[in-house]
Amino acid sequence: MSRIAALLGAARRRLPFLAPAALVMAVGLALCGQGLWIPAKAVLAQVLLERAFARSVATGQPVKPWPWADTWPVARITFPRLHRSVIVLDGASGQALAFGPGHVAGTPDAGDRGVAVYAAHRDTHFALLGQLGPGDEIAVQRIDGRQARFSVAGAQVVRWDASGLDPHAPGRALALATCWPLDAKVHGPLRYLVWARPMEGVSKLDSQS
């Protein structure tokens, strides 16, 4: 009995030191889980968004990816050289961007007159922007069935409040935006913009405008 009592006494003496260590470990695991959950959520959401996008194209009407969603698919962006594609959501709110790229409100649809702007997080759907180079094709399919093809013209780093983006600029252009630096883990004022111009003879989608 004396041996058991001694062991219990030693455990009690260690408890104050073990509790903080266990708390630190729990917080660390929670942060790791959160870091993994964000990309996982983005990937899983794209599966549901693909289904909703296909139904939207088939019916000609916006279809929500899940009943409680406050947004819906509006386009699919394809990067042929990279063999990648993503479904774009209506609006660029924080909630929308958690699941996919967002079509920035107040900018035209891709292929219409002006500059169509799509934004996404640098650690999920637009992590690939850094791999794009001049001449790379970007194809955009809209839920109304229209398609537009663009060629990357260049990229630049700008402040969020001095982007130079003008949705009413002449012509038909495309801009893809994400945070900069691409490998940073904290928020900052800089944005990375990829500019693309319509491929000749393809982007005549708004003949009635």
N, C-alpha and C. Protein backbone atom coordinates (compact mmCIF):
# COMPACT_ATOMS: atom_id res chain seq x y z
N MET A 1 0.82 -1.21 0.00
CA MET A 1 0.00 0.00 0.00
C MET A 1 0.86 1.26 0.00
N SER A 2 1.95 1.22 0.75
CA SER A 2 2.82 2.40 0.82
C SER A 2 3.40 2.74 -0.55
N ARG A 3 3.68 1.68 -1.37
CA ARG A 3 4.22 1.92 -2.72
C ARG A 3 3.17 2.60 -3.60
N ILE A 4 1.89 2.15 -3.51
CA ILE A 4 0.80 2.75 -4.27
C ILE A 4 0.59 4.20 -3.86
N ALA A 5 0.63 4.44 -2.56
CA ALA A 5 0.44 5.80 -2.07
C ALA A 5 1.54 6.71 -2.58
N ALA A 6 2.76 6.18 -2.62
CA ALA A 6 3.88 6.98 -3.10
C ALA A 6 3.70 7.34 -4.58
N LEU A 7 3.24 6.36 -5.38
CA LEU A 7 3.02 6.62 -6.80
C LEU A 7 1.93 7.66 -7.02
N LEU A 8 0.83 7.54 -6.23
CA LEU A 8 -0.25 8.52 -6.33
C LEU A 8 0.23 9.91 -5.96
N GLY A 9 1.07 9.97 -4.91
CA GLY A 9 1.59 11.26 -4.49
C GLY A 9 2.46 11.89 -5.58
N ALA A 10 3.27 11.07 -6.25
CA ALA A 10 4.13 11.59 -7.33
C ALA A 10 3.29 12.09 -8.49
N ALA A 11 2.19 11.37 -8.79
CA ALA A 11 1.32 11.79 -9.89
C ALA A 11 0.67 13.12 -9.58
N ARG A 12 0.26 13.30 -8.32
CA ARG A 12 -0.37 14.58 -7.95
C ARG A 12 0.62 15.72 -8.09
N ARG A 13 1.88 15.46 -7.70
CA ARG A 13 2.89 16.53 -7.80
C ARG A 13 3.17 16.90 -9.24
N ARG A 14 3.05 15.94 -10.17
CA ARG A 14 3.32 16.22 -11.58
C ARG A 14 2.14 16.86 -12.29
N LEU A 15 0.93 16.72 -11.74
CA LEU A 15 -0.27 17.18 -12.42
C LEU A 15 -0.23 18.65 -12.80
N PRO A 16 0.21 19.56 -11.93
CA PRO A 16 0.24 20.97 -12.33
C PRO A 16 1.13 21.23 -13.53
N PHE A 17 2.16 20.39 -13.71
CA PHE A 17 3.06 20.58 -14.85
C PHE A 17 2.53 19.91 -16.11
N LEU A 18 1.80 18.82 -15.94
CA LEU A 18 1.26 18.08 -17.08
C LEU A 18 0.08 18.81 -17.71
N ALA A 19 -0.73 19.49 -16.88
CA ALA A 19 -1.92 20.16 -17.39
C ALA A 19 -1.58 21.22 -18.43
N PRO A 20 -0.63 22.14 -18.17
CA PRO A 20 -0.28 23.12 -19.22
C PRO A 20 0.25 22.46 -20.49
N ALA A 21 1.05 21.40 -20.32
CA ALA A 21 1.58 20.72 -21.50
C ALA A 21 0.46 20.12 -22.33
N ALA A 22 -0.53 19.53 -21.64
CA ALA A 22 -1.66 18.94 -22.36
C ALA A 22 -2.46 20.03 -23.07
N LEU A 23 -2.61 21.19 -22.44
CA LEU A 23 -3.35 22.29 -23.04
C LEU A 23 -2.64 22.79 -24.30
N VAL A 24 -1.33 22.96 -24.20
CA VAL A 24 -0.55 23.42 -25.36
C VAL A 24 -0.68 22.42 -26.51
N MET A 25 -0.62 21.12 -26.17
CA MET A 25 -0.75 20.10 -27.21
C MET A 25 -2.12 20.15 -27.86
N ALA A 26 -3.16 20.36 -27.04
CA ALA A 26 -4.52 20.42 -27.57
C ALA A 26 -4.70 21.61 -28.50
N VAL A 27 -4.16 22.77 -28.10
CA VAL A 27 -4.25 23.96 -28.94
C VAL A 27 -3.50 23.74 -30.25
N GLY A 28 -2.30 23.14 -30.15
CA GLY A 28 -1.53 22.87 -31.35
C GLY A 28 -2.26 21.96 -32.32
N LEU A 29 -2.89 20.91 -31.79
CA LEU A 29 -3.65 20.01 -32.64
C LEU A 29 -4.85 20.72 -33.26
N ALA A 30 -5.49 21.60 -32.48
CA ALA A 30 -6.65 22.32 -33.00
C ALA A 30 -6.24 23.23 -34.15
N LEU A 31 -5.09 23.92 -33.99
CA LEU A 31 -4.62 24.81 -35.04
C LEU A 31 -4.24 24.02 -36.30
N CYS A 32 -3.59 22.89 -36.10
CA CYS A 32 -3.24 22.05 -37.25
C CYS A 32 -4.51 21.57 -37.95
N GLY A 33 -5.49 21.17 -37.13
CA GLY A 33 -6.75 20.71 -37.72
C GLY A 33 -7.44 21.80 -38.50
N GLN A 34 -7.40 23.03 -37.96
CA GLN A 34 -8.01 24.16 -38.66
C GLN A 34 -7.28 24.46 -39.95
N GLY A 35 -5.93 24.40 -39.91
CA GLY A 35 -5.16 24.66 -41.10
C GLY A 35 -5.44 23.64 -42.19
N LEU A 36 -5.64 22.38 -41.79
CA LEU A 36 -5.95 21.35 -42.77
C LEU A 36 -7.39 21.43 -43.23
N TRP A 37 -8.28 21.90 -42.33
CA TRP A 37 -9.70 21.92 -42.65
C TRP A 37 -10.03 22.91 -43.75
N ILE A 38 -9.37 24.07 -43.76
CA ILE A 38 -9.68 25.10 -44.76
C ILE A 38 -9.43 24.59 -46.18
N PRO A 39 -8.23 24.02 -46.49
CA PRO A 39 -8.07 23.47 -47.84
C PRO A 39 -9.00 22.30 -48.12
N ALA A 40 -9.23 21.46 -47.09
CA ALA A 40 -10.11 20.30 -47.30
C ALA A 40 -11.53 20.76 -47.61
N LYS A 41 -11.99 21.79 -46.90
CA LYS A 41 -13.33 22.32 -47.16
C LYS A 41 -13.43 22.87 -48.58
N ALA A 42 -12.37 23.54 -49.02
CA ALA A 42 -12.38 24.11 -50.37
C ALA A 42 -12.47 23.01 -51.42
N VAL A 43 -11.75 21.90 -51.21
CA VAL A 43 -11.76 20.80 -52.17
C VAL A 43 -13.11 20.10 -52.18
N LEU A 44 -13.63 19.79 -50.99
CA LEU A 44 -14.91 19.10 -50.91
C LEU A 44 -16.04 19.95 -51.48
N ALA A 45 -15.99 21.24 -51.24
CA ALA A 45 -17.05 22.12 -51.74
C ALA A 45 -17.09 22.12 -53.25
N GLN A 46 -15.93 22.01 -53.90
CA GLN A 46 -15.89 22.05 -55.36
C GLN A 46 -16.65 20.88 -55.98
N VAL A 47 -16.70 19.75 -55.26
CA VAL A 47 -17.47 18.60 -55.77
C VAL A 47 -18.95 18.95 -55.84
N LEU A 48 -19.47 19.54 -54.77
CA LEU A 48 -20.88 19.95 -54.75
C LEU A 48 -21.13 21.09 -55.73
N LEU A 49 -20.15 21.99 -55.86
CA LEU A 49 -20.31 23.11 -56.78
C LEU A 49 -20.34 22.63 -58.23
N GLU A 50 -19.55 21.61 -58.55
CA GLU A 50 -19.56 21.05 -59.90
C GLU A 50 -20.96 20.53 -60.25
N ARG A 51 -21.58 19.83 -59.30
CA ARG A 51 -22.92 19.30 -59.53
C ARG A 51 -23.93 20.43 -59.72
N ALA A 52 -23.83 21.44 -58.86
CA ALA A 52 -24.75 22.57 -58.97
C ALA A 52 -24.53 23.34 -60.27
N PHE A 53 -23.28 23.46 -60.69
CA PHE A 53 -22.98 24.16 -61.94
C PHE A 53 -23.58 23.40 -63.12
N ALA A 54 -23.43 22.08 -63.14
CA ALA A 54 -23.98 21.28 -64.24
C ALA A 54 -25.50 21.43 -64.31
N ARG A 55 -26.15 21.45 -63.15
CA ARG A 55 -27.60 21.62 -63.12
C ARG A 55 -27.99 23.03 -63.57
N SER A 56 -27.17 24.02 -63.22
CA SER A 56 -27.44 25.40 -63.62
C SER A 56 -27.37 25.54 -65.13
N VAL A 57 -26.36 24.93 -65.74
CA VAL A 57 -26.22 24.99 -67.20
C VAL A 57 -27.38 24.28 -67.87
N ALA A 58 -27.78 23.14 -67.30
CA ALA A 58 -28.86 22.34 -67.89
C ALA A 58 -30.20 23.05 -67.82
N THR A 59 -30.46 23.74 -66.70
CA THR A 59 -31.76 24.38 -66.49
C THR A 59 -31.77 25.84 -66.90
N GLY A 60 -30.58 26.46 -66.99
CA GLY A 60 -30.53 27.88 -67.30
C GLY A 60 -30.84 28.76 -66.11
N GLN A 61 -30.93 28.16 -64.92
CA GLN A 61 -31.24 28.90 -63.70
C GLN A 61 -30.17 28.63 -62.64
N PRO A 62 -29.84 29.64 -61.80
CA PRO A 62 -28.87 29.41 -60.74
C PRO A 62 -29.35 28.33 -59.78
N VAL A 63 -28.47 27.42 -59.41
CA VAL A 63 -28.79 26.33 -58.50
C VAL A 63 -27.83 26.39 -57.31
N LYS A 64 -28.36 26.46 -56.09
CA LYS A 64 -27.51 26.51 -54.90
C LYS A 64 -26.85 25.15 -54.68
N PRO A 65 -25.59 25.17 -54.26
CA PRO A 65 -24.87 23.91 -54.06
C PRO A 65 -25.36 23.11 -52.85
N TRP A 66 -25.93 23.80 -51.86
CA TRP A 66 -26.55 23.17 -50.70
C TRP A 66 -27.66 24.10 -50.23
N PRO A 67 -28.67 23.57 -49.57
CA PRO A 67 -29.90 24.35 -49.28
C PRO A 67 -29.66 25.67 -48.56
N TRP A 68 -28.71 25.73 -47.65
CA TRP A 68 -28.52 26.94 -46.84
C TRP A 68 -27.49 27.90 -47.44
N ALA A 69 -26.98 27.60 -48.62
CA ALA A 69 -25.98 28.46 -49.25
C ALA A 69 -26.58 29.82 -49.59
N ASP A 70 -25.79 30.88 -49.41
CA ASP A 70 -26.24 32.23 -49.77
C ASP A 70 -25.58 32.68 -51.08
N THR A 71 -25.03 31.73 -51.83
CA THR A 71 -24.43 32.00 -53.12
C THR A 71 -24.62 30.79 -54.02
N TRP A 72 -24.19 30.90 -55.27
CA TRP A 72 -24.42 29.83 -56.23
C TRP A 72 -23.37 29.92 -57.34
N PRO A 73 -23.14 28.84 -58.07
CA PRO A 73 -22.15 28.86 -59.15
C PRO A 73 -22.59 29.76 -60.30
N VAL A 74 -21.64 30.49 -60.85
CA VAL A 74 -21.94 31.35 -62.00
C VAL A 74 -21.04 31.05 -63.20
N ALA A 75 -19.94 30.33 -62.99
CA ALA A 75 -19.02 30.04 -64.09
C ALA A 75 -18.03 28.96 -63.70
N ARG A 76 -17.37 28.42 -64.71
CA ARG A 76 -16.24 27.53 -64.50
C ARG A 76 -15.02 28.12 -65.21
N ILE A 77 -13.92 28.27 -64.46
CA ILE A 77 -12.68 28.75 -65.05
C ILE A 77 -11.76 27.55 -65.25
N THR A 78 -11.24 27.41 -66.46
CA THR A 78 -10.35 26.29 -66.78
C THR A 78 -8.99 26.84 -67.19
N PHE A 79 -7.95 26.18 -66.70
CA PHE A 79 -6.57 26.51 -67.04
C PHE A 79 -6.00 25.30 -67.80
N PRO A 80 -6.15 25.28 -69.12
CA PRO A 80 -5.80 24.09 -69.90
C PRO A 80 -4.37 23.58 -69.70
N ARG A 81 -3.39 24.47 -69.69
CA ARG A 81 -2.00 24.01 -69.56
C ARG A 81 -1.75 23.33 -68.23
N LEU A 82 -2.43 23.80 -67.19
CA LEU A 82 -2.25 23.25 -65.85
C LEU A 82 -3.20 22.09 -65.57
N HIS A 83 -4.11 21.82 -66.50
CA HIS A 83 -5.11 20.75 -66.33
C HIS A 83 -5.91 20.95 -65.03
N ARG A 84 -6.31 22.18 -64.82
CA ARG A 84 -7.07 22.51 -63.61
C ARG A 84 -8.30 23.32 -63.98
N SER A 85 -9.34 23.18 -63.17
CA SER A 85 -10.53 24.01 -63.34
C SER A 85 -11.17 24.24 -61.98
N VAL A 86 -11.88 25.36 -61.85
CA VAL A 86 -12.55 25.70 -60.59
C VAL A 86 -13.92 26.29 -60.90
N ILE A 87 -14.85 26.07 -60.00
CA ILE A 87 -16.19 26.65 -60.13
C ILE A 87 -16.22 27.98 -59.40
N VAL A 88 -16.76 28.99 -60.06
CA VAL A 88 -16.81 30.35 -59.51
C VAL A 88 -18.19 30.61 -58.91
N LEU A 89 -18.19 31.28 -57.76
CA LEU A 89 -19.44 31.61 -57.07
C LEU A 89 -19.82 33.07 -57.29
N ASP A 90 -21.09 33.35 -57.09
CA ASP A 90 -21.58 34.72 -57.20
C ASP A 90 -21.13 35.51 -55.97
N GLY A 91 -20.46 36.63 -56.20
CA GLY A 91 -20.00 37.47 -55.10
C GLY A 91 -18.65 37.04 -54.57
N ALA A 92 -17.96 37.96 -53.90
CA ALA A 92 -16.62 37.68 -53.37
C ALA A 92 -16.56 37.95 -51.88
N SER A 93 -17.63 37.58 -51.16
CA SER A 93 -17.63 37.73 -49.70
C SER A 93 -16.71 36.68 -49.09
N GLY A 94 -16.37 36.88 -47.82
CA GLY A 94 -15.51 35.92 -47.14
C GLY A 94 -16.10 34.53 -47.11
N GLN A 95 -17.43 34.44 -46.94
CA GLN A 95 -18.09 33.14 -46.91
C GLN A 95 -18.00 32.45 -48.26
N ALA A 96 -18.20 33.20 -49.33
CA ALA A 96 -18.14 32.60 -50.66
C ALA A 96 -16.73 32.12 -50.97
N LEU A 97 -15.72 32.95 -50.64
CA LEU A 97 -14.34 32.60 -50.97
C LEU A 97 -13.84 31.40 -50.19
N ALA A 98 -14.51 31.03 -49.12
CA ALA A 98 -14.12 29.84 -48.37
C ALA A 98 -14.38 28.57 -49.18
N PHE A 99 -15.26 28.68 -50.18
CA PHE A 99 -15.63 27.50 -50.96
C PHE A 99 -15.16 27.54 -52.40
N GLY A 100 -14.85 28.71 -52.92
CA GLY A 100 -14.40 28.80 -54.31
C GLY A 100 -14.13 30.24 -54.69
N PRO A 101 -13.59 30.46 -55.88
CA PRO A 101 -13.40 31.83 -56.36
C PRO A 101 -14.73 32.55 -56.44
N GLY A 102 -14.69 33.87 -56.31
CA GLY A 102 -15.91 34.66 -56.39
C GLY A 102 -15.86 35.66 -57.53
N HIS A 103 -17.00 35.87 -58.16
CA HIS A 103 -17.12 36.90 -59.20
C HIS A 103 -17.38 38.22 -58.49
N VAL A 104 -16.47 39.16 -58.61
CA VAL A 104 -16.56 40.43 -57.89
C VAL A 104 -17.76 41.23 -58.38
N ALA A 105 -18.62 41.61 -57.43
CA ALA A 105 -19.83 42.37 -57.75
C ALA A 105 -19.48 43.67 -58.45
N GLY A 106 -20.31 44.04 -59.42
CA GLY A 106 -20.11 45.28 -60.14
C GLY A 106 -19.21 45.14 -61.35
N THR A 107 -18.68 43.93 -61.59
CA THR A 107 -17.87 43.70 -62.78
C THR A 107 -18.66 42.80 -63.73
N PRO A 108 -18.42 42.92 -65.04
CA PRO A 108 -19.21 42.15 -66.01
C PRO A 108 -18.87 40.66 -65.97
N ASP A 109 -19.73 39.86 -66.58
CA ASP A 109 -19.41 38.45 -66.77
C ASP A 109 -18.29 38.34 -67.79
N ALA A 110 -17.51 37.29 -67.67
CA ALA A 110 -16.40 37.08 -68.59
C ALA A 110 -16.91 37.05 -70.03
N GLY A 111 -16.30 37.85 -70.88
CA GLY A 111 -16.69 37.92 -72.28
C GLY A 111 -17.55 39.11 -72.60
N ASP A 112 -18.20 39.70 -71.60
CA ASP A 112 -18.98 40.92 -71.83
C ASP A 112 -18.04 42.13 -71.82
N ARG A 113 -18.56 43.26 -72.27
CA ARG A 113 -17.73 44.47 -72.34
C ARG A 113 -17.28 44.90 -70.94
N GLY A 114 -16.00 45.27 -70.85
CA GLY A 114 -15.43 45.69 -69.58
C GLY A 114 -14.43 44.69 -69.06
N VAL A 115 -14.11 44.80 -67.77
CA VAL A 115 -13.14 43.90 -67.14
C VAL A 115 -13.86 43.01 -66.14
N ALA A 116 -13.92 41.73 -66.43
CA ALA A 116 -14.50 40.76 -65.50
C ALA A 116 -13.45 40.41 -64.45
N VAL A 117 -13.82 40.48 -63.17
CA VAL A 117 -12.85 40.25 -62.10
C VAL A 117 -13.31 39.08 -61.24
N TYR A 118 -12.40 38.13 -61.04
CA TYR A 118 -12.65 36.98 -60.17
C TYR A 118 -11.55 36.93 -59.12
N ALA A 119 -11.93 36.66 -57.87
CA ALA A 119 -10.96 36.64 -56.77
C ALA A 119 -11.06 35.33 -56.01
N ALA A 120 -9.93 34.90 -55.43
CA ALA A 120 -9.92 33.68 -54.63
C ALA A 120 -8.72 33.72 -53.69
N HIS A 121 -8.71 32.81 -52.70
CA HIS A 121 -7.62 32.76 -51.74
C HIS A 121 -6.35 32.22 -52.40
N ARG A 122 -5.20 32.72 -51.92
CA ARG A 122 -3.91 32.31 -52.48
C ARG A 122 -3.49 30.92 -52.03
N ASP A 123 -4.08 30.39 -50.94
CA ASP A 123 -3.67 29.08 -50.45
C ASP A 123 -4.64 27.97 -50.86
N THR A 124 -5.65 28.32 -51.67
CA THR A 124 -6.57 27.29 -52.15
C THR A 124 -6.71 27.40 -53.67
N HIS A 125 -7.81 27.96 -54.14
CA HIS A 125 -8.15 27.88 -55.56
C HIS A 125 -7.27 28.72 -56.47
N PHE A 126 -6.71 29.82 -55.97
CA PHE A 126 -5.84 30.64 -56.83
C PHE A 126 -4.38 30.51 -56.45
N ALA A 127 -4.02 29.45 -55.78
CA ALA A 127 -2.61 29.19 -55.51
C ALA A 127 -1.86 28.98 -56.82
N LEU A 128 -2.58 28.60 -57.86
CA LEU A 128 -1.95 28.31 -59.15
C LEU A 128 -1.64 29.55 -59.99
N LEU A 129 -2.08 30.72 -59.55
CA LEU A 129 -1.85 31.92 -60.37
C LEU A 129 -0.37 32.17 -60.62
N GLY A 130 0.46 31.80 -59.66
CA GLY A 130 1.89 32.00 -59.82
C GLY A 130 2.49 31.13 -60.90
N GLN A 131 1.76 30.11 -61.35
CA GLN A 131 2.27 29.20 -62.38
C GLN A 131 1.88 29.66 -63.79
N LEU A 132 1.03 30.68 -63.87
CA LEU A 132 0.59 31.16 -65.19
C LEU A 132 1.64 32.10 -65.80
N GLY A 133 1.78 32.00 -67.09
CA GLY A 133 2.71 32.87 -67.80
C GLY A 133 2.07 33.47 -69.03
N PRO A 134 2.71 34.48 -69.63
CA PRO A 134 2.17 35.12 -70.83
C PRO A 134 1.83 34.10 -71.92
N GLY A 135 0.66 34.25 -72.48
CA GLY A 135 0.22 33.36 -73.54
C GLY A 135 -0.59 32.18 -73.07
N ASP A 136 -0.58 31.89 -71.75
CA ASP A 136 -1.38 30.77 -71.24
C ASP A 136 -2.86 31.04 -71.47
N GLU A 137 -3.59 30.01 -71.83
CA GLU A 137 -5.03 30.16 -72.06
C GLU A 137 -5.81 30.05 -70.75
N ILE A 138 -6.84 30.86 -70.63
CA ILE A 138 -7.83 30.76 -69.55
C ILE A 138 -9.20 30.72 -70.20
N ALA A 139 -9.95 29.66 -69.96
CA ALA A 139 -11.28 29.52 -70.55
C ALA A 139 -12.34 29.69 -69.46
N VAL A 140 -13.40 30.41 -69.78
CA VAL A 140 -14.48 30.64 -68.83
C VAL A 140 -15.80 30.20 -69.46
N GLN A 141 -16.47 29.28 -68.79
CA GLN A 141 -17.80 28.85 -69.21
C GLN A 141 -18.82 29.41 -68.23
N ARG A 142 -19.83 30.10 -68.73
CA ARG A 142 -20.85 30.71 -67.89
C ARG A 142 -22.07 29.80 -67.79
N ILE A 143 -22.91 30.04 -66.77
CA ILE A 143 -24.08 29.17 -66.61
C ILE A 143 -25.13 29.40 -67.69
N ASP A 144 -25.00 30.51 -68.46
CA ASP A 144 -25.93 30.70 -69.56
C ASP A 144 -25.48 29.95 -70.81
N GLY A 145 -24.42 29.15 -70.66
CA GLY A 145 -23.94 28.34 -71.77
C GLY A 145 -22.90 29.01 -72.64
N ARG A 146 -22.69 30.30 -72.46
CA ARG A 146 -21.70 31.00 -73.26
C ARG A 146 -20.29 30.72 -72.74
N GLN A 147 -19.33 30.79 -73.65
CA GLN A 147 -17.94 30.53 -73.28
C GLN A 147 -17.04 31.64 -73.81
N ALA A 148 -15.98 31.90 -73.08
CA ALA A 148 -15.00 32.91 -73.50
C ALA A 148 -13.61 32.36 -73.23
N ARG A 149 -12.70 32.63 -74.15
CA ARG A 149 -11.32 32.20 -74.00
C ARG A 149 -10.41 33.42 -73.98
N PHE A 150 -9.45 33.38 -73.04
CA PHE A 150 -8.55 34.50 -72.86
C PHE A 150 -7.11 34.01 -72.90
N SER A 151 -6.21 34.94 -73.16
CA SER A 151 -4.77 34.67 -73.14
C SER A 151 -4.11 35.59 -72.11
N VAL A 152 -3.30 35.01 -71.25
CA VAL A 152 -2.64 35.80 -70.20
C VAL A 152 -1.72 36.83 -70.84
N ALA A 153 -1.93 38.08 -70.46
CA ALA A 153 -1.12 39.18 -70.98
C ALA A 153 0.01 39.56 -70.03
N GLY A 154 -0.18 39.30 -68.74
CA GLY A 154 0.84 39.66 -67.76
C GLY A 154 0.28 39.63 -66.36
N ALA A 155 1.11 40.02 -65.40
CA ALA A 155 0.70 40.04 -63.99
C ALA A 155 1.39 41.20 -63.29
N GLN A 156 0.80 41.66 -62.19
CA GLN A 156 1.40 42.75 -61.42
C GLN A 156 0.96 42.67 -59.98
N VAL A 157 1.74 43.28 -59.11
CA VAL A 157 1.42 43.37 -57.68
C VAL A 157 0.96 44.79 -57.40
N VAL A 158 -0.20 44.93 -56.76
CA VAL A 158 -0.77 46.25 -56.48
C VAL A 158 -1.30 46.29 -55.06
N ARG A 159 -1.54 47.48 -54.56
CA ARG A 159 -2.23 47.62 -53.29
C ARG A 159 -3.72 47.37 -53.52
N TRP A 160 -4.38 46.86 -52.49
CA TRP A 160 -5.81 46.55 -52.63
C TRP A 160 -6.62 47.79 -52.96
N ASP A 161 -6.18 48.97 -52.48
CA ASP A 161 -6.93 50.20 -52.71
C ASP A 161 -6.39 51.01 -53.88
N ALA A 162 -5.47 50.41 -54.66
CA ALA A 162 -4.93 51.11 -55.83
C ALA A 162 -4.67 50.08 -56.93
N SER A 163 -5.68 49.27 -57.21
CA SER A 163 -5.51 48.17 -58.16
C SER A 163 -5.52 48.64 -59.61
N GLY A 164 -6.17 49.77 -59.87
CA GLY A 164 -6.28 50.23 -61.24
C GLY A 164 -7.36 49.50 -62.03
N LEU A 165 -8.11 48.63 -61.37
CA LEU A 165 -9.17 47.89 -62.05
C LEU A 165 -10.34 48.81 -62.38
N ASP A 166 -10.75 48.80 -63.62
CA ASP A 166 -11.90 49.59 -64.05
C ASP A 166 -12.85 48.65 -64.80
N PRO A 167 -13.93 48.24 -64.14
CA PRO A 167 -14.84 47.29 -64.78
C PRO A 167 -15.48 47.82 -66.05
N HIS A 168 -15.44 49.14 -66.24
CA HIS A 168 -16.07 49.75 -67.42
C HIS A 168 -15.04 50.12 -68.49
N ALA A 169 -13.83 49.59 -68.37
CA ALA A 169 -12.80 49.90 -69.36
C ALA A 169 -13.21 49.37 -70.73
N PRO A 170 -12.73 50.01 -71.80
CA PRO A 170 -13.09 49.55 -73.16
C PRO A 170 -12.60 48.12 -73.41
N GLY A 171 -13.27 47.45 -74.31
CA GLY A 171 -12.87 46.10 -74.67
C GLY A 171 -13.44 45.06 -73.74
N ARG A 172 -12.89 43.88 -73.84
CA ARG A 172 -13.31 42.75 -73.00
C ARG A 172 -12.06 42.13 -72.40
N ALA A 173 -11.92 42.21 -71.09
CA ALA A 173 -10.70 41.71 -70.44
C ALA A 173 -11.08 40.89 -69.21
N LEU A 174 -10.09 40.17 -68.71
CA LEU A 174 -10.28 39.32 -67.54
C LEU A 174 -9.17 39.60 -66.54
N ALA A 175 -9.53 39.69 -65.26
CA ALA A 175 -8.53 39.87 -64.20
C ALA A 175 -8.79 38.85 -63.10
N LEU A 176 -7.76 38.13 -62.71
CA LEU A 176 -7.83 37.19 -61.60
C LEU A 176 -7.00 37.75 -60.46
N ALA A 177 -7.58 37.80 -59.25
CA ALA A 177 -6.92 38.47 -58.13
C ALA A 177 -6.80 37.56 -56.92
N THR A 178 -5.67 37.68 -56.23
CA THR A 178 -5.48 36.97 -54.97
C THR A 178 -4.51 37.78 -54.12
N CYS A 179 -4.27 37.35 -52.89
CA CYS A 179 -3.37 38.08 -51.99
C CYS A 179 -1.91 37.82 -52.34
N TRP A 180 -1.06 38.76 -51.97
CA TRP A 180 0.37 38.68 -52.20
C TRP A 180 1.13 38.99 -50.93
N PRO A 181 2.23 38.31 -50.66
CA PRO A 181 2.89 37.26 -51.42
C PRO A 181 2.08 35.96 -51.44
N LEU A 182 2.29 35.15 -52.45
CA LEU A 182 1.50 33.94 -52.61
C LEU A 182 1.76 32.92 -51.51
N ASP A 183 2.96 32.95 -50.91
CA ASP A 183 3.30 31.97 -49.89
C ASP A 183 3.21 32.53 -48.48
N ALA A 184 2.65 33.71 -48.32
CA ALA A 184 2.54 34.33 -46.99
C ALA A 184 1.40 33.70 -46.20
N LYS A 185 1.48 33.80 -44.88
CA LYS A 185 0.47 33.24 -44.00
C LYS A 185 -0.35 34.30 -43.28
N VAL A 186 0.01 35.57 -43.47
CA VAL A 186 -0.71 36.65 -42.80
C VAL A 186 -1.28 37.59 -43.86
N HIS A 187 -2.32 38.32 -43.47
CA HIS A 187 -2.97 39.24 -44.39
C HIS A 187 -2.10 40.48 -44.59
N GLY A 188 -2.21 41.07 -45.76
CA GLY A 188 -1.47 42.29 -46.06
C GLY A 188 -2.22 43.12 -47.08
N PRO A 189 -1.69 44.29 -47.43
CA PRO A 189 -2.40 45.20 -48.34
C PRO A 189 -2.17 44.91 -49.83
N LEU A 190 -1.28 43.97 -50.14
CA LEU A 190 -0.91 43.74 -51.54
C LEU A 190 -1.76 42.65 -52.19
N ARG A 191 -1.99 42.84 -53.49
CA ARG A 191 -2.76 41.86 -54.26
C ARG A 191 -1.99 41.52 -55.54
N TYR A 192 -2.14 40.27 -55.97
CA TYR A 192 -1.52 39.80 -57.20
C TYR A 192 -2.59 39.68 -58.26
N LEU A 193 -2.41 40.40 -59.37
CA LEU A 193 -3.39 40.41 -60.45
C LEU A 193 -2.81 39.75 -61.70
N VAL A 194 -3.57 38.83 -62.26
CA VAL A 194 -3.23 38.26 -63.56
C VAL A 194 -4.20 38.86 -64.57
N TRP A 195 -3.65 39.50 -65.59
CA TRP A 195 -4.46 40.13 -66.63
C TRP A 195 -4.52 39.23 -67.85
N ALA A 196 -5.69 39.16 -68.48
CA ALA A 196 -5.82 38.35 -69.70
C ALA A 196 -6.69 39.09 -70.71
N ARG A 197 -6.36 38.94 -71.95
CA ARG A 197 -7.13 39.57 -73.03
C ARG A 197 -7.83 38.48 -73.83
N PRO A 198 -8.94 38.82 -74.49
CA PRO A 198 -9.68 37.80 -75.23
C PRO A 198 -8.88 37.26 -76.39
N MET A 199 -9.00 35.97 -76.62
CA MET A 199 -8.35 35.38 -77.78
C MET A 199 -9.11 35.80 -79.03
N GLU A 200 -8.39 36.16 -80.04
CA GLU A 200 -8.96 36.78 -81.23
C GLU A 200 -10.06 35.93 -81.85
N GLY A 201 -11.20 36.59 -82.08
CA GLY A 201 -12.30 35.94 -82.77
C GLY A 201 -13.08 34.96 -81.94
N VAL A 202 -12.89 34.97 -80.60
CA VAL A 202 -13.58 33.98 -79.77
C VAL A 202 -14.59 34.61 -78.83
N SER A 203 -14.22 35.74 -78.23
CA SER A 203 -15.01 36.27 -77.13
C SER A 203 -16.12 37.21 -77.55
N LYS A 204 -16.79 36.93 -78.64
CA LYS A 204 -17.91 37.78 -79.08
C LYS A 204 -19.20 37.21 -78.52
N LEU A 205 -19.39 37.42 -77.19
CA LEU A 205 -20.51 36.80 -76.51
C LEU A 205 -21.70 37.71 -76.34
N ASP A 206 -21.46 39.02 -76.40
CA ASP A 206 -22.54 39.96 -76.09
C ASP A 206 -22.89 40.77 -77.33
N SER A 207 -23.25 40.11 -78.39
CA SER A 207 -23.52 40.80 -79.66
C SER A 207 -24.69 41.76 -79.55
N GLN A 208 -25.53 41.58 -78.52
CA GLN A 208 -26.68 42.44 -78.36
C GLN A 208 -26.40 43.63 -77.48
N SER A 209 -25.20 43.69 -76.89
CA SER A 209 -24.88 44.79 -75.97
C SER A 209 -24.25 45.95 -76.73
